């Protein structure tokens, strides 16, 4: 009977030791997986940041090109309007001078 109790006690101690060892292994496994997850998250975060930076650069380039295009168009329009103004100003001034001369003589 005592021998059976001793065997049971020894088995319980082995089970306790195994349980402690398994818990330790489980904690190590969980820590390893947490580290892997952290690496994956950091990698994804870096990739997202790179994509965001690339998209921002593309948008900035597009905006700069649009700005340059608009400035070029505005410059062209201003030159056109200036030319038209000068032509019409000369024609109107000439017309007024001619009318004054016709009306009042030279």
N, C-alpha and C. Protein backbone atom coordinates (compact mmCIF):
# COMPACT_ATOMS: atom_id res chain seq x y z
N UNK A 1 0.82 -1.18 0.00
CA UNK A 1 0.00 0.00 0.00
C UNK A 1 0.87 1.25 0.00
N UNK A 2 1.91 1.22 0.87
CA UNK A 2 2.81 2.37 0.95
C UNK A 2 3.54 2.53 -0.37
N UNK A 3 3.87 1.39 -0.96
CA UNK A 3 4.58 1.44 -2.23
C UNK A 3 3.69 2.06 -3.31
N UNK A 4 2.43 1.76 -3.32
CA UNK A 4 1.49 2.32 -4.27
C UNK A 4 1.34 3.81 -4.05
N UNK A 5 1.27 4.24 -2.80
CA UNK A 5 1.18 5.67 -2.49
C UNK A 5 2.45 6.40 -2.94
N UNK A 6 3.61 5.77 -2.73
CA UNK A 6 4.87 6.37 -3.16
C UNK A 6 4.90 6.51 -4.68
N UNK A 7 4.40 5.51 -5.41
CA UNK A 7 4.34 5.57 -6.86
C UNK A 7 3.41 6.68 -7.32
N UNK A 8 2.27 6.81 -6.64
CA UNK A 8 1.31 7.86 -6.98
C UNK A 8 1.92 9.23 -6.73
N UNK A 9 2.60 9.36 -5.59
CA UNK A 9 3.24 10.64 -5.25
C UNK A 9 4.32 10.97 -6.27
N UNK A 10 5.12 9.98 -6.68
CA UNK A 10 6.17 10.20 -7.68
C UNK A 10 5.55 10.59 -9.02
N UNK A 11 4.45 9.95 -9.38
CA UNK A 11 3.76 10.27 -10.63
C UNK A 11 3.21 11.69 -10.59
N UNK A 12 2.64 12.09 -9.46
CA UNK A 12 2.12 13.44 -9.30
C UNK A 12 3.25 14.47 -9.43
N UNK A 13 4.43 14.16 -8.84
CA UNK A 13 5.57 15.07 -8.93
C UNK A 13 6.04 15.19 -10.39
N UNK A 14 6.06 14.05 -11.10
CA UNK A 14 6.45 14.09 -12.51
C UNK A 14 5.45 14.92 -13.31
N UNK A 15 4.17 14.72 -13.00
CA UNK A 15 3.13 15.50 -13.69
C UNK A 15 3.28 16.99 -13.40
N UNK A 16 3.56 17.34 -12.15
CA UNK A 16 3.77 18.75 -11.80
C UNK A 16 4.97 19.32 -12.53
N UNK A 17 6.05 18.52 -12.57
CA UNK A 17 7.25 18.97 -13.29
C UNK A 17 6.98 19.15 -14.79
N UNK A 18 6.25 18.18 -15.36
CA UNK A 18 5.88 18.27 -16.77
C UNK A 18 4.99 19.48 -17.03
N UNK A 19 4.03 19.72 -16.13
CA UNK A 19 3.14 20.86 -16.28
C UNK A 19 3.93 22.16 -16.22
N UNK A 20 4.87 22.27 -15.27
CA UNK A 20 5.70 23.47 -15.15
C UNK A 20 6.53 23.66 -16.42
N UNK A 21 7.10 22.55 -16.91
CA UNK A 21 7.93 22.62 -18.12
C UNK A 21 7.08 23.02 -19.33
N UNK A 22 5.88 22.45 -19.44
CA UNK A 22 4.99 22.80 -20.55
C UNK A 22 4.55 24.25 -20.49
N UNK A 23 4.28 24.74 -19.29
CA UNK A 23 3.90 26.14 -19.14
C UNK A 23 5.05 27.06 -19.55
N UNK A 24 6.27 26.67 -19.17
CA UNK A 24 7.44 27.45 -19.55
C UNK A 24 7.59 27.46 -21.08
N UNK A 25 7.46 26.28 -21.71
CA UNK A 25 7.54 26.18 -23.16
C UNK A 25 6.44 27.01 -23.83
N UNK A 26 5.25 26.95 -23.26
CA UNK A 26 4.13 27.73 -23.81
C UNK A 26 4.40 29.22 -23.72
N UNK A 27 4.97 29.67 -22.60
CA UNK A 27 5.32 31.08 -22.45
C UNK A 27 6.39 31.49 -23.46
N UNK A 28 7.39 30.63 -23.66
CA UNK A 28 8.44 30.91 -24.64
C UNK A 28 7.85 30.96 -26.05
N UNK A 29 6.94 30.02 -26.35
CA UNK A 29 6.30 29.99 -27.66
C UNK A 29 5.48 31.26 -27.87
N UNK A 30 4.73 31.66 -26.84
CA UNK A 30 3.92 32.87 -26.93
C UNK A 30 4.81 34.10 -27.14
N UNK A 31 5.92 34.16 -26.41
CA UNK A 31 6.84 35.29 -26.57
C UNK A 31 7.43 35.31 -27.98
N UNK A 32 7.78 34.14 -28.51
CA UNK A 32 8.33 34.03 -29.86
C UNK A 32 7.32 34.52 -30.90
N UNK A 33 6.07 34.08 -30.72
CA UNK A 33 5.02 34.49 -31.66
C UNK A 33 4.73 35.98 -31.54
N UNK A 34 4.78 36.52 -30.33
CA UNK A 34 4.59 37.96 -30.15
C UNK A 34 5.69 38.74 -30.87
N UNK A 35 6.94 38.23 -30.77
CA UNK A 35 8.06 38.88 -31.45
C UNK A 35 7.87 38.81 -32.96
N UNK A 36 7.43 37.66 -33.48
CA UNK A 36 7.17 37.53 -34.91
C UNK A 36 6.06 38.48 -35.35
N UNK A 37 5.01 38.56 -34.55
CA UNK A 37 3.90 39.47 -34.86
C UNK A 37 4.38 40.91 -34.88
N UNK A 38 5.21 41.27 -33.91
CA UNK A 38 5.76 42.64 -33.85
C UNK A 38 6.57 42.93 -35.10
N UNK A 39 7.39 41.97 -35.53
CA UNK A 39 8.18 42.16 -36.75
C UNK A 39 7.28 42.34 -37.97
N UNK A 40 6.23 41.53 -38.06
CA UNK A 40 5.29 41.65 -39.18
C UNK A 40 4.59 43.01 -39.16
N UNK A 41 4.15 43.42 -37.96
CA UNK A 41 3.47 44.71 -37.84
C UNK A 41 4.41 45.85 -38.22
N UNK A 42 5.66 45.78 -37.74
CA UNK A 42 6.63 46.83 -38.07
C UNK A 42 6.90 46.86 -39.57
N UNK A 43 7.01 45.66 -40.17
CA UNK A 43 7.23 45.59 -41.61
C UNK A 43 6.07 46.18 -42.39
N UNK A 44 4.86 45.84 -41.98
CA UNK A 44 3.67 46.38 -42.66
C UNK A 44 3.57 47.89 -42.46
N UNK A 45 3.90 48.33 -41.27
CA UNK A 45 3.85 49.77 -40.99
C UNK A 45 4.86 50.51 -41.87
N UNK A 46 6.07 49.96 -41.99
CA UNK A 46 7.09 50.57 -42.84
C UNK A 46 6.65 50.58 -44.30
N UNK A 47 6.07 49.46 -44.74
CA UNK A 47 5.60 49.36 -46.13
C UNK A 47 4.49 50.38 -46.38
N UNK A 48 3.55 50.48 -45.43
CA UNK A 48 2.47 51.46 -45.56
C UNK A 48 3.02 52.88 -45.63
N UNK A 49 4.02 53.16 -44.80
CA UNK A 49 4.63 54.49 -44.79
C UNK A 49 5.32 54.78 -46.13
N UNK A 50 6.02 53.77 -46.66
CA UNK A 50 6.68 53.95 -47.96
C UNK A 50 5.65 54.22 -49.06
N UNK A 51 4.57 53.45 -49.03
CA UNK A 51 3.51 53.65 -50.03
C UNK A 51 2.88 55.03 -49.88
N UNK A 52 2.67 55.43 -48.64
CA UNK A 52 2.10 56.75 -48.38
C UNK A 52 3.04 57.85 -48.87
N UNK A 53 4.33 57.68 -48.58
CA UNK A 53 5.32 58.67 -49.04
C UNK A 53 5.36 58.72 -50.57
N UNK A 54 5.31 57.55 -51.20
CA UNK A 54 5.33 57.50 -52.66
C UNK A 54 4.09 58.17 -53.24
N UNK A 55 2.93 57.88 -52.66
CA UNK A 55 1.69 58.51 -53.14
C UNK A 55 1.72 60.02 -52.93
N UNK A 56 2.26 60.43 -51.80
CA UNK A 56 2.36 61.86 -51.52
C UNK A 56 3.30 62.54 -52.52
N UNK A 57 4.40 61.86 -52.84
CA UNK A 57 5.35 62.41 -53.80
C UNK A 57 4.70 62.52 -55.18
N UNK A 58 3.95 61.49 -55.57
CA UNK A 58 3.26 61.51 -56.86
C UNK A 58 2.25 62.66 -56.90
N UNK A 59 1.50 62.82 -55.80
CA UNK A 59 0.51 63.89 -55.74
C UNK A 59 1.19 65.26 -55.79
N UNK A 60 2.30 65.40 -55.07
CA UNK A 60 3.02 66.68 -55.07
C UNK A 60 3.56 66.99 -56.47
N UNK A 61 4.06 65.97 -57.15
CA UNK A 61 4.57 66.15 -58.51
C UNK A 61 3.43 66.56 -59.45
N UNK A 62 2.29 65.88 -59.31
CA UNK A 62 1.13 66.20 -60.15
C UNK A 62 0.65 67.63 -59.88
N UNK A 63 0.62 68.02 -58.61
CA UNK A 63 0.20 69.38 -58.28
C UNK A 63 1.18 70.41 -58.83
N UNK A 64 2.47 70.12 -58.74
CA UNK A 64 3.48 71.03 -59.26
C UNK A 64 3.33 71.18 -60.77
N UNK A 65 3.09 70.05 -61.46
CA UNK A 65 2.91 70.11 -62.91
C UNK A 65 1.67 70.90 -63.26
N UNK A 66 0.58 70.66 -62.51
CA UNK A 66 -0.65 71.41 -62.76
C UNK A 66 -0.43 72.90 -62.53
N UNK A 67 0.30 73.23 -61.48
CA UNK A 67 0.60 74.64 -61.20
C UNK A 67 1.40 75.26 -62.34
N UNK A 68 2.42 74.52 -62.80
CA UNK A 68 3.23 75.03 -63.91
C UNK A 68 2.40 75.20 -65.18
N UNK A 69 1.52 74.23 -65.43
CA UNK A 69 0.65 74.31 -66.61
C UNK A 69 -0.27 75.52 -66.51
N UNK A 70 -0.86 75.72 -65.32
CA UNK A 70 -1.75 76.86 -65.13
C UNK A 70 -1.00 78.18 -65.26
N UNK A 71 0.21 78.24 -64.71
CA UNK A 71 1.01 79.46 -64.84
C UNK A 71 1.37 79.73 -66.29
N UNK A 72 1.72 78.68 -67.03
CA UNK A 72 2.05 78.83 -68.45
C UNK A 72 0.82 79.31 -69.23
N UNK A 73 -0.34 78.71 -68.93
CA UNK A 73 -1.57 79.12 -69.61
C UNK A 73 -1.92 80.56 -69.27
N UNK A 74 -1.74 80.93 -67.99
CA UNK A 74 -2.03 82.31 -67.58
C UNK A 74 -1.08 83.28 -68.27
N UNK A 75 0.18 82.91 -68.37
CA UNK A 75 1.17 83.77 -69.04
C UNK A 75 0.81 83.95 -70.51
N UNK A 76 0.40 82.84 -71.14
CA UNK A 76 0.02 82.90 -72.55
C UNK A 76 -1.22 83.78 -72.72
N UNK A 77 -2.21 83.58 -71.85
CA UNK A 77 -3.43 84.40 -71.92
C UNK A 77 -3.11 85.88 -71.70
N UNK A 78 -2.24 86.16 -70.75
CA UNK A 78 -1.87 87.55 -70.48
C UNK A 78 -1.19 88.16 -71.69
N UNK A 79 -0.30 87.40 -72.32
CA UNK A 79 0.38 87.90 -73.52
C UNK A 79 -0.64 88.16 -74.63
N UNK A 80 -1.60 87.25 -74.78
CA UNK A 80 -2.63 87.41 -75.81
C UNK A 80 -3.47 88.66 -75.53
N UNK A 81 -3.89 88.81 -74.27
CA UNK A 81 -4.70 89.97 -73.93
C UNK A 81 -3.91 91.27 -74.07
N UNK A 82 -2.63 91.23 -73.71
CA UNK A 82 -1.79 92.43 -73.86
C UNK A 82 -1.66 92.80 -75.33
N UNK A 83 -1.42 91.79 -76.16
CA UNK A 83 -1.30 92.05 -77.60
C UNK A 83 -2.61 92.61 -78.15
N UNK A 84 -3.72 91.98 -77.81
CA UNK A 84 -5.02 92.47 -78.28
C UNK A 84 -5.30 93.88 -77.77
N UNK A 85 -4.97 94.13 -76.53
CA UNK A 85 -5.19 95.47 -75.96
C UNK A 85 -4.39 96.51 -76.72
N UNK A 86 -3.10 96.20 -76.95
CA UNK A 86 -2.25 97.15 -77.66
C UNK A 86 -2.74 97.40 -79.08
N UNK A 87 -3.14 96.32 -79.76
CA UNK A 87 -3.67 96.48 -81.12
C UNK A 87 -4.93 97.34 -81.11
N UNK A 88 -5.84 97.02 -80.24
CA UNK A 88 -7.11 97.76 -80.19
C UNK A 88 -6.90 99.18 -79.68
N UNK A 89 -5.97 99.33 -78.75
CA UNK A 89 -5.69 100.67 -78.22
C UNK A 89 -5.17 101.56 -79.35
N UNK A 90 -4.26 101.01 -80.16
CA UNK A 90 -3.72 101.78 -81.29
C UNK A 90 -4.82 102.10 -82.29
N UNK A 91 -5.66 101.11 -82.61
CA UNK A 91 -6.76 101.32 -83.56
C UNK A 91 -7.73 102.37 -83.04
N UNK A 92 -8.09 102.24 -81.74
CA UNK A 92 -9.03 103.20 -81.15
C UNK A 92 -8.42 104.59 -81.11
N UNK A 93 -7.14 104.68 -80.71
CA UNK A 93 -6.48 105.99 -80.66
C UNK A 93 -6.40 106.59 -82.05
N UNK A 94 -6.07 105.79 -83.04
CA UNK A 94 -6.00 106.26 -84.42
C UNK A 94 -7.38 106.70 -84.90
N UNK A 95 -8.39 105.89 -84.59
CA UNK A 95 -9.76 106.23 -84.99
C UNK A 95 -10.20 107.55 -84.35
N UNK A 96 -9.91 107.72 -83.05
CA UNK A 96 -10.31 108.96 -82.36
C UNK A 96 -9.58 110.16 -82.97
N UNK A 97 -8.29 110.01 -83.24
CA UNK A 97 -7.53 111.12 -83.84
C UNK A 97 -8.08 111.46 -85.20
N UNK A 98 -8.41 110.45 -86.01
CA UNK A 98 -8.97 110.69 -87.33
C UNK A 98 -10.32 111.39 -87.24
N UNK A 99 -11.17 110.97 -86.30
CA UNK A 99 -12.50 111.58 -86.13
C UNK A 99 -12.38 113.03 -85.67
N UNK A 100 -11.42 113.25 -84.76
CA UNK A 100 -11.22 114.62 -84.29
C UNK A 100 -10.73 115.48 -85.44
N UNK A 101 -9.82 114.96 -86.25
CA UNK A 101 -9.32 115.71 -87.38
C UNK A 101 -10.40 115.96 -88.39
N UNK A 102 -11.28 114.94 -88.62
CA UNK A 102 -12.38 115.12 -89.56
C UNK A 102 -13.37 116.15 -89.03
N UNK A 103 -13.62 116.06 -87.74
CA UNK A 103 -14.60 116.96 -87.16
C UNK A 103 -14.06 118.37 -87.04
N UNK A 104 -12.86 118.54 -86.54
CA UNK A 104 -12.33 119.88 -86.26
C UNK A 104 -11.24 120.31 -87.22
N UNK A 105 -10.86 119.44 -88.10
CA UNK A 105 -9.80 119.76 -89.05
C UNK A 105 -8.43 119.53 -88.42
N UNK A 106 -7.41 119.53 -89.27
CA UNK A 106 -6.11 119.26 -88.73
C UNK A 106 -5.38 120.47 -88.26
